[in-house]
């Protein structure tokens, strides 16, 4: 017996969902300190406000996506290599989870952070 399903609607992913997927994949890349918060983002985060949408911008057209994101990297890393890893990771993760085609991932490196020693 074969199950047959005929689609009778649309699946729409909000830009916030795509932004969240991108954010989670960015922080998995070695050399990334964090998504860049900026001055107001850092203050908002201290007061418990969610600022994820501010540092990742998603443009959707048909089934294609352009993703712009801002990050801080760890001091001492090769920035170009980290940025390329971010591009690849975001593209493959977003495409795998959404089925949409990512045509561009633009990485803006906004800051460099020192790695804190955990033993202090």
Protein backbone atom coordinates (compact mmCIF):
# COMPACT_ATOMS: atom_id res chain seq x y z
CA UNK A 1 0.00 0.00 0.00
CA UNK A 2 1.47 3.32 -1.08
CA UNK A 3 0.90 6.54 0.86
CA UNK A 4 0.08 9.44 -1.42
CA UNK A 5 0.16 13.00 -0.24
CA UNK A 6 -0.78 15.97 -2.33
CA UNK A 7 0.40 19.32 -1.04
CA UNK A 8 -2.50 21.71 -0.55
CA UNK A 9 -0.69 24.73 0.80
CA UNK A 10 2.53 26.65 1.15
CA UNK A 11 5.33 26.49 3.67
CA UNK A 12 6.67 29.94 4.49
CA UNK A 13 9.77 30.47 6.61
CA UNK A 14 10.09 33.84 8.30
CA UNK A 15 13.31 35.76 8.02
CA UNK A 16 13.66 35.38 11.81
CA UNK A 17 13.76 31.59 11.46
CA UNK A 18 16.42 31.77 8.74
CA UNK A 19 18.34 34.31 10.82
CA UNK A 20 18.26 31.98 13.84
CA UNK A 21 19.57 29.06 11.77
CA UNK A 22 22.39 31.24 10.46
CA UNK A 23 23.21 32.51 13.98
CA UNK A 24 23.44 29.01 15.41
CA UNK A 25 25.71 27.87 12.60
CA UNK A 26 28.01 30.91 12.90
CA UNK A 27 28.86 30.33 16.56
CA UNK A 28 29.93 26.76 15.74
CA UNK A 29 32.79 28.06 13.55
CA UNK A 30 36.19 27.95 15.25
CA UNK A 31 37.64 31.44 15.59
CA UNK A 32 34.29 33.22 15.97
CA UNK A 33 34.02 35.02 19.30
CA UNK A 34 30.35 35.90 18.86
CA UNK A 35 27.84 37.62 16.64
CA UNK A 36 28.59 41.32 16.79
CA UNK A 37 26.21 43.12 19.15
CA UNK A 38 27.25 46.71 18.66
CA UNK A 39 26.86 49.23 21.46
CA UNK A 40 23.06 49.13 21.76
CA UNK A 41 22.88 45.36 21.24
CA UNK A 42 25.23 44.75 24.15
CA UNK A 43 23.17 46.97 26.44
CA UNK A 44 19.90 45.36 25.36
CA UNK A 45 21.33 41.89 25.95
CA UNK A 46 22.26 42.82 29.53
CA UNK A 47 18.62 43.71 30.13
CA UNK A 48 17.41 40.40 28.71
CA UNK A 49 16.31 41.70 25.31
CA UNK A 50 16.71 39.46 22.29
CA UNK A 51 18.81 41.15 19.59
CA UNK A 52 19.39 38.31 17.11
CA UNK A 53 17.68 40.08 14.20
CA UNK A 54 19.98 43.10 14.38
CA UNK A 55 23.24 41.39 13.45
CA UNK A 56 21.90 39.10 10.70
CA UNK A 57 19.92 40.39 7.75
CA UNK A 58 18.12 38.02 5.39
CA UNK A 59 16.80 38.99 1.97
CA UNK A 60 14.41 36.48 0.37
CA UNK A 61 13.43 36.49 -3.27
CA UNK A 62 11.52 33.51 -4.58
CA UNK A 63 13.50 30.52 -3.31
CA UNK A 64 16.84 32.35 -3.05
CA UNK A 65 18.46 33.97 -0.04
CA UNK A 66 21.11 36.60 0.60
CA UNK A 67 22.44 36.65 4.17
CA UNK A 68 24.43 39.53 5.67
CA UNK A 69 25.95 39.03 9.11
CA UNK A 70 28.34 40.76 11.49
CA UNK A 71 30.75 38.91 13.77
CA UNK A 72 33.56 39.41 16.22
CA UNK A 73 36.52 37.06 15.84
CA UNK A 74 39.09 35.83 18.33
CA UNK A 75 42.45 37.60 18.45
CA UNK A 76 45.18 35.78 16.54
CA UNK A 77 43.02 33.97 13.97
CA UNK A 78 43.41 34.30 10.23
CA UNK A 79 40.36 36.47 9.61
CA UNK A 80 39.97 35.63 5.91
CA UNK A 81 39.95 31.88 6.63
CA UNK A 82 37.43 32.26 9.46
CA UNK A 83 35.17 34.37 7.22
CA UNK A 84 35.33 31.73 4.47
CA UNK A 85 34.44 29.00 6.99
CA UNK A 86 31.49 31.09 8.16
CA UNK A 87 30.27 31.51 4.58
CA UNK A 88 30.48 27.78 3.89
CA UNK A 89 28.89 26.75 7.21
CA UNK A 90 25.99 29.19 6.94
CA UNK A 91 25.31 28.30 3.31
CA UNK A 92 25.29 24.54 3.83
CA UNK A 93 23.29 24.65 7.09
CA UNK A 94 20.62 27.07 5.86
CA UNK A 95 20.23 25.22 2.55
CA UNK A 96 19.98 21.84 4.29
CA UNK A 97 17.39 23.01 6.81
CA UNK A 98 15.24 25.22 4.56
CA UNK A 99 15.56 23.82 1.05
CA UNK A 100 16.17 27.38 -0.18
CA UNK A 101 19.20 28.31 -2.26
CA UNK A 102 21.68 30.65 -0.56
CA UNK A 103 23.25 32.75 -3.30
CA UNK A 104 25.33 35.00 -1.07
CA UNK A 105 26.68 35.11 2.48
CA UNK A 106 28.30 38.45 3.29
CA UNK A 107 30.46 38.44 6.42
CA UNK A 108 31.31 41.73 8.12
CA UNK A 109 34.03 41.40 10.75
CA UNK A 110 33.21 44.18 13.22
CA UNK A 111 35.54 43.36 16.10
CA UNK A 112 38.37 41.31 17.55
CA UNK A 113 38.09 39.81 21.02
CA UNK A 114 40.72 38.46 23.39
CA UNK A 115 40.06 34.93 24.57
CA UNK A 116 39.39 34.93 28.31
CA UNK A 117 41.34 32.40 30.40
CA UNK A 118 38.89 30.08 32.13
CA UNK A 119 41.36 29.41 35.00
CA UNK A 120 41.29 32.98 36.34
